[in-house]
Amino acid sequence: MTARWVVDEVFPARDLNITWQPISLLLKNEPAEDSDYFTPVNFTHKLLRVMESVREAEGDDAVFPLYWEYGRRLHHDQDRDFTAVQALEAIGFDTGHAAAFDDESWDAEIRERMDEGLALTGNDVGTPIIALDDDEGERVALFGPVITRVPSTEQSLKLWDGFVACATIPGFWELKRTRTEHPEFGERP
């Protein structure tokens, strides 16, 4: 939902340069292989390997179309059985990147990129993490915002501006309330 918010509502109205980075809940949370959580996070971790293969070959800008395709399939279609080849074909990318799905050599790159974000926020967070430069050019980041639906354009921009203010104020740490609703993904992008 946060990605939809940024792409659909904030990006067109604010001067943003977005670089999508991986966060592997498999590497971060290290679930036991016999847990119910292991299978889905192992699958999405392997999808991140493919994403990093695309990034290496095509650059940062090529990551977003694949990330978006993953999101459509996982969240809108509730499809947890698609293959990397299918996702790559759907967006017209070289299906040779699918070989990265089972290639553990990509894990170091995923961990390094993930750790850059966690170094800014601390390890007691999840996803999303948004990093930006403050007024002095220092990199800062916060976990969130966690939203259940994309607000109107006006509300989205207020939320963005508030997020930036919180992220760039020294000494600000956290806002939180208990989640009482599930995400409303809206139409398939």
N, C-alpha and C. Protein backbone atom coordinates (compact mmCIF):
# COMPACT_ATOMS: atom_id res chain seq x y z
N MET A 1 0.81 -1.19 0.00
CA MET A 1 0.00 0.00 0.00
C MET A 1 0.86 1.26 0.00
N THR A 2 1.96 1.21 0.73
CA THR A 2 2.82 2.39 0.78
C THR A 2 3.42 2.68 -0.60
N ALA A 3 3.80 1.64 -1.31
CA ALA A 3 4.33 1.85 -2.67
C ALA A 3 3.27 2.46 -3.57
N ARG A 4 2.04 1.96 -3.49
CA ARG A 4 0.96 2.54 -4.30
C ARG A 4 0.76 4.00 -3.95
N TRP A 5 0.79 4.32 -2.66
CA TRP A 5 0.62 5.70 -2.19
C TRP A 5 1.70 6.60 -2.79
N VAL A 6 2.95 6.15 -2.69
CA VAL A 6 4.06 6.96 -3.20
C VAL A 6 3.97 7.12 -4.72
N VAL A 7 3.75 6.02 -5.42
CA VAL A 7 3.75 6.06 -6.89
C VAL A 7 2.51 6.76 -7.44
N ASP A 8 1.35 6.41 -6.92
CA ASP A 8 0.10 6.94 -7.49
C ASP A 8 -0.18 8.38 -7.09
N GLU A 9 0.17 8.77 -5.87
CA GLU A 9 -0.26 10.07 -5.37
C GLU A 9 0.88 11.04 -5.07
N VAL A 10 1.97 10.57 -4.49
CA VAL A 10 3.02 11.49 -4.05
C VAL A 10 3.98 11.82 -5.19
N PHE A 11 4.46 10.83 -5.87
CA PHE A 11 5.46 11.02 -6.93
C PHE A 11 5.05 12.08 -7.96
N PRO A 12 3.81 12.07 -8.46
CA PRO A 12 3.45 13.06 -9.47
C PRO A 12 3.48 14.51 -8.96
N ALA A 13 3.38 14.70 -7.64
CA ALA A 13 3.28 16.05 -7.10
C ALA A 13 4.53 16.53 -6.36
N ARG A 14 5.46 15.65 -6.13
CA ARG A 14 6.68 16.01 -5.40
C ARG A 14 7.89 15.61 -6.24
N ASP A 15 8.97 16.33 -6.09
CA ASP A 15 10.19 16.07 -6.84
C ASP A 15 10.94 14.93 -6.16
N LEU A 16 10.61 13.70 -6.54
CA LEU A 16 11.21 12.53 -5.91
C LEU A 16 12.07 11.77 -6.90
N ASN A 17 13.16 11.25 -6.42
CA ASN A 17 14.01 10.33 -7.15
C ASN A 17 13.97 9.03 -6.36
N ILE A 18 13.25 8.04 -6.86
CA ILE A 18 13.00 6.81 -6.10
C ILE A 18 13.92 5.70 -6.56
N THR A 19 14.56 5.06 -5.60
CA THR A 19 15.32 3.83 -5.84
C THR A 19 14.72 2.76 -4.94
N TRP A 20 14.17 1.74 -5.55
CA TRP A 20 13.53 0.65 -4.81
C TRP A 20 14.61 -0.30 -4.31
N GLN A 21 14.56 -0.60 -3.04
CA GLN A 21 15.55 -1.47 -2.41
C GLN A 21 14.85 -2.70 -1.82
N PRO A 22 15.57 -3.81 -1.72
CA PRO A 22 14.97 -5.02 -1.16
C PRO A 22 15.01 -5.03 0.37
N ILE A 23 14.02 -5.68 0.94
CA ILE A 23 14.10 -6.09 2.34
C ILE A 23 13.57 -7.52 2.36
N SER A 24 14.40 -8.41 2.81
CA SER A 24 14.05 -9.82 2.85
C SER A 24 13.59 -10.18 4.26
N LEU A 25 12.31 -10.51 4.39
CA LEU A 25 11.82 -10.93 5.69
C LEU A 25 12.36 -12.31 6.06
N LEU A 26 12.85 -13.06 5.08
CA LEU A 26 13.52 -14.32 5.37
C LEU A 26 14.84 -14.06 6.08
N LEU A 27 15.66 -13.18 5.51
CA LEU A 27 16.96 -12.88 6.12
C LEU A 27 16.79 -12.10 7.42
N LYS A 28 15.84 -11.20 7.47
CA LYS A 28 15.67 -10.37 8.65
C LYS A 28 15.12 -11.15 9.83
N ASN A 29 14.09 -11.96 9.60
CA ASN A 29 13.39 -12.64 10.70
C ASN A 29 13.87 -14.06 10.96
N GLU A 30 14.58 -14.65 9.99
CA GLU A 30 15.13 -15.99 10.12
C GLU A 30 14.14 -17.00 10.72
N PRO A 31 12.99 -17.18 10.06
CA PRO A 31 12.00 -18.11 10.60
C PRO A 31 12.47 -19.57 10.47
N ALA A 32 11.99 -20.40 11.37
CA ALA A 32 12.30 -21.83 11.31
C ALA A 32 11.68 -22.41 10.03
N GLU A 33 12.39 -23.34 9.42
CA GLU A 33 11.91 -23.92 8.16
C GLU A 33 10.59 -24.65 8.31
N ASP A 34 10.25 -25.09 9.51
CA ASP A 34 8.99 -25.81 9.71
C ASP A 34 7.84 -24.87 10.12
N SER A 35 8.09 -23.56 10.14
CA SER A 35 7.04 -22.61 10.50
C SER A 35 6.17 -22.29 9.28
N ASP A 36 4.94 -21.87 9.52
CA ASP A 36 4.04 -21.47 8.43
C ASP A 36 4.55 -20.22 7.72
N TYR A 37 5.34 -19.44 8.40
CA TYR A 37 5.87 -18.18 7.87
C TYR A 37 7.01 -18.41 6.87
N PHE A 38 7.72 -19.53 7.01
CA PHE A 38 8.91 -19.77 6.20
C PHE A 38 8.60 -19.81 4.70
N THR A 39 7.61 -20.57 4.29
CA THR A 39 7.35 -20.76 2.85
C THR A 39 7.07 -19.44 2.13
N PRO A 40 6.16 -18.58 2.65
CA PRO A 40 5.93 -17.34 1.90
C PRO A 40 7.13 -16.40 1.88
N VAL A 41 7.87 -16.30 2.99
CA VAL A 41 9.00 -15.37 2.97
C VAL A 41 10.19 -15.95 2.20
N ASN A 42 10.29 -17.24 2.13
CA ASN A 42 11.32 -17.86 1.29
C ASN A 42 11.02 -17.58 -0.19
N PHE A 43 9.74 -17.69 -0.56
CA PHE A 43 9.34 -17.40 -1.94
C PHE A 43 9.64 -15.95 -2.30
N THR A 44 9.24 -15.00 -1.46
CA THR A 44 9.47 -13.60 -1.80
C THR A 44 10.96 -13.26 -1.75
N HIS A 45 11.70 -13.94 -0.89
CA HIS A 45 13.15 -13.74 -0.88
C HIS A 45 13.75 -14.15 -2.23
N LYS A 46 13.32 -15.28 -2.74
CA LYS A 46 13.83 -15.74 -4.03
C LYS A 46 13.44 -14.79 -5.17
N LEU A 47 12.26 -14.17 -5.05
CA LEU A 47 11.87 -13.16 -6.03
C LEU A 47 12.80 -11.96 -5.97
N LEU A 48 13.28 -11.63 -4.77
CA LEU A 48 14.24 -10.53 -4.64
C LEU A 48 15.54 -10.85 -5.35
N ARG A 49 15.94 -12.11 -5.37
CA ARG A 49 17.15 -12.50 -6.11
C ARG A 49 16.99 -12.14 -7.59
N VAL A 50 15.82 -12.43 -8.13
CA VAL A 50 15.54 -12.12 -9.53
C VAL A 50 15.58 -10.60 -9.73
N MET A 51 15.01 -9.87 -8.79
CA MET A 51 15.01 -8.42 -8.87
C MET A 51 16.43 -7.87 -8.90
N GLU A 52 17.31 -8.43 -8.08
CA GLU A 52 18.69 -7.95 -8.06
C GLU A 52 19.43 -8.33 -9.34
N SER A 53 19.09 -9.45 -9.95
CA SER A 53 19.66 -9.81 -11.24
C SER A 53 19.25 -8.78 -12.29
N VAL A 54 17.99 -8.38 -12.26
CA VAL A 54 17.50 -7.36 -13.19
C VAL A 54 18.22 -6.04 -12.93
N ARG A 55 18.37 -5.67 -11.65
CA ARG A 55 19.04 -4.40 -11.33
C ARG A 55 20.47 -4.40 -11.87
N GLU A 56 21.19 -5.49 -11.66
CA GLU A 56 22.58 -5.54 -12.11
C GLU A 56 22.69 -5.39 -13.62
N ALA A 57 21.77 -6.02 -14.35
CA ALA A 57 21.85 -6.00 -15.81
C ALA A 57 21.25 -4.73 -16.43
N GLU A 58 20.19 -4.22 -15.82
CA GLU A 58 19.42 -3.15 -16.46
C GLU A 58 19.43 -1.83 -15.70
N GLY A 59 19.90 -1.82 -14.46
CA GLY A 59 19.93 -0.59 -13.67
C GLY A 59 18.76 -0.46 -12.71
N ASP A 60 18.86 0.53 -11.84
CA ASP A 60 17.84 0.75 -10.80
C ASP A 60 16.44 0.97 -11.37
N ASP A 61 16.33 1.67 -12.47
CA ASP A 61 15.00 1.98 -13.02
C ASP A 61 14.25 0.74 -13.48
N ALA A 62 14.95 -0.33 -13.77
CA ALA A 62 14.30 -1.56 -14.22
C ALA A 62 13.68 -2.35 -13.08
N VAL A 63 14.05 -2.02 -11.85
CA VAL A 63 13.54 -2.76 -10.70
C VAL A 63 12.04 -2.53 -10.51
N PHE A 64 11.60 -1.29 -10.68
CA PHE A 64 10.21 -0.96 -10.38
C PHE A 64 9.20 -1.78 -11.17
N PRO A 65 9.31 -1.93 -12.48
CA PRO A 65 8.30 -2.72 -13.20
C PRO A 65 8.18 -4.15 -12.66
N LEU A 66 9.29 -4.74 -12.27
CA LEU A 66 9.24 -6.10 -11.73
C LEU A 66 8.61 -6.10 -10.34
N TYR A 67 9.00 -5.15 -9.51
CA TYR A 67 8.41 -5.00 -8.18
C TYR A 67 6.89 -4.84 -8.29
N TRP A 68 6.45 -4.03 -9.23
CA TRP A 68 5.03 -3.77 -9.44
C TRP A 68 4.32 -5.05 -9.89
N GLU A 69 4.97 -5.81 -10.77
CA GLU A 69 4.37 -7.07 -11.23
C GLU A 69 4.25 -8.05 -10.09
N TYR A 70 5.27 -8.14 -9.27
CA TYR A 70 5.17 -9.00 -8.08
C TYR A 70 4.00 -8.58 -7.21
N GLY A 71 3.86 -7.29 -6.97
CA GLY A 71 2.78 -6.78 -6.13
C GLY A 71 1.41 -7.10 -6.70
N ARG A 72 1.25 -6.94 -8.00
CA ARG A 72 -0.04 -7.28 -8.63
C ARG A 72 -0.38 -8.74 -8.39
N ARG A 73 0.59 -9.60 -8.61
CA ARG A 73 0.33 -11.03 -8.48
C ARG A 73 0.10 -11.43 -7.02
N LEU A 74 0.94 -10.95 -6.12
CA LEU A 74 0.84 -11.34 -4.71
C LEU A 74 -0.38 -10.74 -4.02
N HIS A 75 -0.59 -9.45 -4.20
CA HIS A 75 -1.62 -8.77 -3.42
C HIS A 75 -2.97 -8.69 -4.12
N HIS A 76 -2.99 -8.42 -5.40
CA HIS A 76 -4.27 -8.29 -6.11
C HIS A 76 -4.81 -9.65 -6.53
N ASP A 77 -3.94 -10.48 -7.06
CA ASP A 77 -4.39 -11.78 -7.57
C ASP A 77 -4.33 -12.87 -6.51
N GLN A 78 -3.70 -12.58 -5.37
CA GLN A 78 -3.50 -13.58 -4.31
C GLN A 78 -2.85 -14.84 -4.88
N ASP A 79 -1.93 -14.64 -5.80
CA ASP A 79 -1.23 -15.74 -6.47
C ASP A 79 0.12 -15.95 -5.80
N ARG A 80 0.29 -17.07 -5.16
CA ARG A 80 1.56 -17.40 -4.50
C ARG A 80 2.27 -18.54 -5.24
N ASP A 81 1.75 -18.87 -6.43
CA ASP A 81 2.30 -19.99 -7.19
C ASP A 81 2.89 -19.58 -8.53
N PHE A 82 2.97 -18.29 -8.81
CA PHE A 82 3.52 -17.88 -10.09
C PHE A 82 5.03 -18.11 -10.10
N THR A 83 5.58 -18.18 -11.28
CA THR A 83 7.02 -18.37 -11.41
C THR A 83 7.68 -17.05 -11.77
N ALA A 84 8.96 -16.98 -11.54
CA ALA A 84 9.72 -15.80 -11.92
C ALA A 84 9.66 -15.60 -13.44
N VAL A 85 9.67 -16.67 -14.19
CA VAL A 85 9.56 -16.58 -15.65
C VAL A 85 8.25 -15.89 -16.03
N GLN A 86 7.15 -16.27 -15.39
CA GLN A 86 5.86 -15.66 -15.71
C GLN A 86 5.87 -14.16 -15.42
N ALA A 87 6.44 -13.78 -14.29
CA ALA A 87 6.50 -12.35 -13.94
C ALA A 87 7.37 -11.59 -14.93
N LEU A 88 8.50 -12.14 -15.28
CA LEU A 88 9.40 -11.49 -16.23
C LEU A 88 8.76 -11.37 -17.61
N GLU A 89 8.10 -12.43 -18.06
CA GLU A 89 7.42 -12.40 -19.36
C GLU A 89 6.32 -11.34 -19.39
N ALA A 90 5.60 -11.21 -18.28
CA ALA A 90 4.47 -10.27 -18.22
C ALA A 90 4.90 -8.83 -18.46
N ILE A 91 6.13 -8.51 -18.11
CA ILE A 91 6.61 -7.13 -18.29
C ILE A 91 7.64 -7.01 -19.41
N GLY A 92 7.83 -8.10 -20.15
CA GLY A 92 8.71 -8.07 -21.31
C GLY A 92 10.19 -8.07 -20.98
N PHE A 93 10.56 -8.62 -19.83
CA PHE A 93 11.97 -8.69 -19.44
C PHE A 93 12.56 -10.04 -19.83
N ASP A 94 13.85 -10.07 -19.96
CA ASP A 94 14.59 -11.29 -20.28
C ASP A 94 14.32 -12.36 -19.22
N THR A 95 13.77 -13.48 -19.63
CA THR A 95 13.44 -14.55 -18.68
C THR A 95 14.68 -15.26 -18.15
N GLY A 96 15.84 -14.96 -18.71
CA GLY A 96 17.09 -15.53 -18.18
C GLY A 96 17.35 -15.10 -16.74
N HIS A 97 16.76 -13.97 -16.34
CA HIS A 97 16.93 -13.53 -14.94
C HIS A 97 16.30 -14.50 -13.96
N ALA A 98 15.39 -15.34 -14.42
CA ALA A 98 14.73 -16.30 -13.53
C ALA A 98 15.72 -17.29 -12.92
N ALA A 99 16.86 -17.45 -13.54
CA ALA A 99 17.88 -18.36 -12.98
C ALA A 99 18.34 -17.88 -11.60
N ALA A 100 18.21 -16.60 -11.33
CA ALA A 100 18.63 -16.06 -10.03
C ALA A 100 17.73 -16.54 -8.89
N PHE A 101 16.52 -17.00 -9.19
CA PHE A 101 15.56 -17.43 -8.17
C PHE A 101 16.18 -18.44 -7.19
N ASP A 102 16.93 -19.38 -7.70
CA ASP A 102 17.55 -20.41 -6.84
C ASP A 102 19.05 -20.20 -6.63
N ASP A 103 19.54 -19.03 -6.97
CA ASP A 103 20.97 -18.74 -6.90
C ASP A 103 21.30 -17.94 -5.63
N GLU A 104 21.84 -18.63 -4.63
CA GLU A 104 22.14 -18.01 -3.34
C GLU A 104 23.21 -16.92 -3.42
N SER A 105 23.92 -16.85 -4.53
CA SER A 105 24.97 -15.84 -4.63
C SER A 105 24.39 -14.42 -4.60
N TRP A 106 23.10 -14.25 -4.85
CA TRP A 106 22.45 -12.93 -4.80
C TRP A 106 22.14 -12.50 -3.37
N ASP A 107 22.20 -13.42 -2.42
CA ASP A 107 21.80 -13.11 -1.04
C ASP A 107 22.67 -12.05 -0.40
N ALA A 108 23.94 -12.02 -0.70
CA ALA A 108 24.84 -11.01 -0.12
C ALA A 108 24.43 -9.61 -0.57
N GLU A 109 24.06 -9.46 -1.84
CA GLU A 109 23.61 -8.15 -2.35
C GLU A 109 22.30 -7.73 -1.68
N ILE A 110 21.38 -8.67 -1.54
CA ILE A 110 20.11 -8.36 -0.87
C ILE A 110 20.37 -7.92 0.57
N ARG A 111 21.20 -8.69 1.27
CA ARG A 111 21.49 -8.36 2.67
C ARG A 111 22.17 -6.99 2.79
N GLU A 112 23.11 -6.71 1.91
CA GLU A 112 23.82 -5.42 1.97
C GLU A 112 22.85 -4.26 1.76
N ARG A 113 21.99 -4.37 0.77
CA ARG A 113 21.03 -3.30 0.49
C ARG A 113 20.02 -3.17 1.63
N MET A 114 19.55 -4.29 2.15
CA MET A 114 18.61 -4.29 3.26
C MET A 114 19.26 -3.68 4.50
N ASP A 115 20.48 -4.05 4.78
CA ASP A 115 21.18 -3.56 5.96
C ASP A 115 21.42 -2.05 5.91
N GLU A 116 21.55 -1.49 4.71
CA GLU A 116 21.69 -0.03 4.59
C GLU A 116 20.45 0.67 5.15
N GLY A 117 19.28 0.16 4.84
CA GLY A 117 18.05 0.74 5.37
C GLY A 117 17.92 0.51 6.86
N LEU A 118 18.22 -0.70 7.31
CA LEU A 118 18.11 -1.01 8.73
C LEU A 118 19.13 -0.23 9.56
N ALA A 119 20.26 0.11 8.98
CA ALA A 119 21.25 0.92 9.70
C ALA A 119 20.69 2.31 9.99
N LEU A 120 19.77 2.77 9.17
CA LEU A 120 19.17 4.09 9.37
C LEU A 120 17.99 4.05 10.34
N THR A 121 17.33 2.91 10.45
CA THR A 121 16.11 2.82 11.27
C THR A 121 16.28 2.02 12.55
N GLY A 122 17.24 1.08 12.55
CA GLY A 122 17.32 0.10 13.62
C GLY A 122 16.67 -1.18 13.15
N ASN A 123 16.94 -2.25 13.83
CA ASN A 123 16.49 -3.56 13.38
C ASN A 123 15.09 -3.93 13.86
N ASP A 124 14.50 -3.15 14.74
CA ASP A 124 13.19 -3.51 15.29
C ASP A 124 12.05 -2.96 14.44
N VAL A 125 12.25 -2.92 13.13
CA VAL A 125 11.23 -2.46 12.20
C VAL A 125 11.04 -3.52 11.11
N GLY A 126 10.07 -3.29 10.27
CA GLY A 126 9.83 -4.17 9.13
C GLY A 126 9.85 -3.37 7.85
N THR A 127 8.85 -3.61 7.04
CA THR A 127 8.73 -2.92 5.78
C THR A 127 7.38 -2.22 5.74
N PRO A 128 7.31 -1.03 5.24
CA PRO A 128 8.26 -0.30 4.42
C PRO A 128 9.22 0.56 5.24
N ILE A 129 10.35 0.83 4.64
CA ILE A 129 11.30 1.81 5.15
C ILE A 129 11.46 2.84 4.04
N ILE A 130 11.35 4.10 4.41
CA ILE A 130 11.58 5.18 3.44
C ILE A 130 12.76 6.00 3.94
N ALA A 131 13.76 6.14 3.08
CA ALA A 131 14.95 6.94 3.40
C ALA A 131 14.96 8.17 2.51
N LEU A 132 15.46 9.26 3.07
CA LEU A 132 15.58 10.51 2.32
C LEU A 132 16.67 11.35 2.96
N ASP A 133 17.04 12.40 2.28
CA ASP A 133 18.06 13.30 2.81
C ASP A 133 17.39 14.45 3.55
N ASP A 134 17.93 14.78 4.74
CA ASP A 134 17.39 15.92 5.48
C ASP A 134 17.94 17.22 4.92
N ASP A 135 17.64 18.34 5.57
CA ASP A 135 18.05 19.65 5.06
C ASP A 135 19.56 19.83 5.01
N GLU A 136 20.28 19.06 5.80
CA GLU A 136 21.75 19.14 5.81
C GLU A 136 22.38 18.10 4.89
N GLY A 137 21.55 17.34 4.16
CA GLY A 137 22.07 16.33 3.26
C GLY A 137 22.39 15.00 3.92
N GLU A 138 22.01 14.85 5.19
CA GLU A 138 22.22 13.58 5.89
C GLU A 138 21.09 12.62 5.56
N ARG A 139 21.45 11.36 5.36
CA ARG A 139 20.46 10.33 5.07
C ARG A 139 19.74 9.95 6.35
N VAL A 140 18.41 10.00 6.33
CA VAL A 140 17.57 9.61 7.46
C VAL A 140 16.48 8.69 6.93
N ALA A 141 15.89 7.93 7.82
CA ALA A 141 14.83 7.00 7.40
C ALA A 141 13.89 6.72 8.56
N LEU A 142 12.70 6.30 8.18
CA LEU A 142 11.71 5.83 9.14
C LEU A 142 11.04 4.58 8.57
N PHE A 143 10.59 3.74 9.46
CA PHE A 143 9.70 2.64 9.11
C PHE A 143 8.32 3.26 8.90
N GLY A 144 7.67 2.88 7.79
CA GLY A 144 6.32 3.35 7.54
C GLY A 144 6.30 4.34 6.41
N PRO A 145 5.16 4.97 6.21
CA PRO A 145 3.94 4.74 6.95
C PRO A 145 3.26 3.44 6.52
N VAL A 146 2.65 2.79 7.48
CA VAL A 146 1.85 1.60 7.21
C VAL A 146 0.42 2.10 7.04
N ILE A 147 -0.11 1.92 5.84
CA ILE A 147 -1.46 2.39 5.55
C ILE A 147 -2.28 1.24 4.98
N THR A 148 -3.59 1.31 5.15
CA THR A 148 -4.45 0.24 4.66
C THR A 148 -5.10 0.57 3.33
N ARG A 149 -5.02 1.83 2.93
CA ARG A 149 -5.54 2.23 1.62
C ARG A 149 -4.84 3.53 1.22
N VAL A 150 -4.86 3.81 -0.06
CA VAL A 150 -4.23 5.03 -0.56
C VAL A 150 -5.20 6.19 -0.32
N PRO A 151 -4.75 7.19 0.43
CA PRO A 151 -5.61 8.35 0.66
C PRO A 151 -5.81 9.18 -0.61
N SER A 152 -6.76 10.09 -0.53
CA SER A 152 -6.97 11.03 -1.64
C SER A 152 -5.66 11.77 -1.89
N THR A 153 -5.57 12.42 -3.04
CA THR A 153 -4.34 13.15 -3.37
C THR A 153 -4.01 14.18 -2.30
N GLU A 154 -4.98 14.96 -1.89
CA GLU A 154 -4.74 15.98 -0.87
C GLU A 154 -4.24 15.36 0.44
N GLN A 155 -4.90 14.30 0.88
CA GLN A 155 -4.47 13.64 2.12
C GLN A 155 -3.12 12.96 1.93
N SER A 156 -2.88 12.41 0.76
CA SER A 156 -1.60 11.75 0.49
C SER A 156 -0.44 12.73 0.61
N LEU A 157 -0.62 13.93 0.07
CA LEU A 157 0.44 14.92 0.12
C LEU A 157 0.63 15.43 1.55
N LYS A 158 -0.44 15.57 2.30
CA LYS A 158 -0.32 15.95 3.71
C LYS A 158 0.44 14.86 4.48
N LEU A 159 0.10 13.60 4.19
CA LEU A 159 0.79 12.49 4.86
C LEU A 159 2.27 12.50 4.49
N TRP A 160 2.58 12.69 3.22
CA TRP A 160 3.98 12.73 2.78
C TRP A 160 4.74 13.86 3.49
N ASP A 161 4.16 15.05 3.48
CA ASP A 161 4.83 16.19 4.10
C ASP A 161 5.02 15.95 5.59
N GLY A 162 4.04 15.35 6.25
CA GLY A 162 4.17 15.02 7.67
C GLY A 162 5.24 13.96 7.90
N PHE A 163 5.28 12.98 7.00
CA PHE A 163 6.30 11.94 7.10
C PHE A 163 7.70 12.56 6.98
N VAL A 164 7.88 13.41 5.99
CA VAL A 164 9.18 14.06 5.78
C VAL A 164 9.54 14.89 7.01
N ALA A 165 8.58 15.62 7.54
CA ALA A 165 8.86 16.43 8.74
C ALA A 165 9.31 15.54 9.89
N CYS A 166 8.60 14.45 10.14
CA CYS A 166 8.97 13.54 11.22
C CYS A 166 10.36 12.94 10.99
N ALA A 167 10.61 12.51 9.77
CA ALA A 167 11.88 11.85 9.46
C ALA A 167 13.07 12.79 9.60
N THR A 168 12.85 14.06 9.38
CA THR A 168 13.97 15.00 9.35
C THR A 168 14.13 15.80 10.65
N ILE A 169 13.29 15.54 11.63
CA ILE A 169 13.40 16.25 12.92
C ILE A 169 14.27 15.41 13.86
N PRO A 170 15.42 15.94 14.26
CA PRO A 170 16.28 15.20 15.19
C PRO A 170 15.51 14.86 16.48
N GLY A 171 15.66 13.65 16.93
CA GLY A 171 15.02 13.23 18.16
C GLY A 171 13.65 12.60 17.97
N PHE A 172 13.07 12.71 16.76
CA PHE A 172 11.78 12.05 16.52
C PHE A 172 12.01 10.56 16.33
N TRP A 173 11.17 9.72 16.97
CA TRP A 173 11.37 8.28 16.88
C TRP A 173 10.17 7.51 16.36
N GLU A 174 8.98 7.77 16.88
CA GLU A 174 7.92 6.82 16.55
C GLU A 174 6.53 7.41 16.75
N LEU A 175 5.62 7.00 15.87
CA LEU A 175 4.18 7.18 16.02
C LEU A 175 3.57 5.80 15.80
N LYS A 176 2.51 5.46 16.50
CA LYS A 176 1.93 4.14 16.29
C LYS A 176 0.51 4.09 16.83
N ARG A 177 -0.33 3.32 16.15
CA ARG A 177 -1.63 2.94 16.70
C ARG A 177 -1.93 1.53 16.23
N THR A 178 -2.77 0.85 16.95
CA THR A 178 -3.11 -0.54 16.63
C THR A 178 -3.90 -0.59 15.33
N ARG A 179 -3.52 -1.53 14.47
CA ARG A 179 -4.21 -1.72 13.20
C ARG A 179 -5.56 -2.39 13.45
N THR A 180 -6.61 -1.83 12.89
CA THR A 180 -7.95 -2.40 13.08
C THR A 180 -8.61 -2.78 11.76
N GLU A 181 -7.90 -2.67 10.65
CA GLU A 181 -8.47 -3.04 9.36
C GLU A 181 -7.38 -3.62 8.47
N HIS A 182 -7.81 -4.37 7.48
CA HIS A 182 -6.89 -4.99 6.52
C HIS A 182 -6.67 -4.06 5.34
N PRO A 183 -5.57 -4.25 4.60
CA PRO A 183 -5.32 -3.42 3.42
C PRO A 183 -6.44 -3.55 2.39
N GLU A 184 -6.75 -2.45 1.76
CA GLU A 184 -7.69 -2.39 0.64
C GLU A 184 -6.86 -2.04 -0.58
N PHE A 185 -6.47 -3.04 -1.36
CA PHE A 185 -5.52 -2.84 -2.44
C PHE A 185 -6.08 -2.07 -3.62
N GLY A 186 -7.37 -1.95 -3.74
CA GLY A 186 -7.94 -1.22 -4.87
C GLY A 186 -7.81 -2.01 -6.17
N GLU A 187 -8.01 -1.31 -7.28
CA GLU A 187 -7.91 -1.97 -8.58
C GLU A 187 -6.48 -2.39 -8.87
N ARG A 188 -6.36 -3.46 -9.63
CA ARG A 188 -5.04 -3.97 -10.02
C ARG A 188 -4.34 -2.93 -10.91
N PRO A 189 -3.14 -2.47 -10.50
CA PRO A 189 -2.44 -1.46 -11.31
C PRO A 189 -1.92 -2.03 -12.61
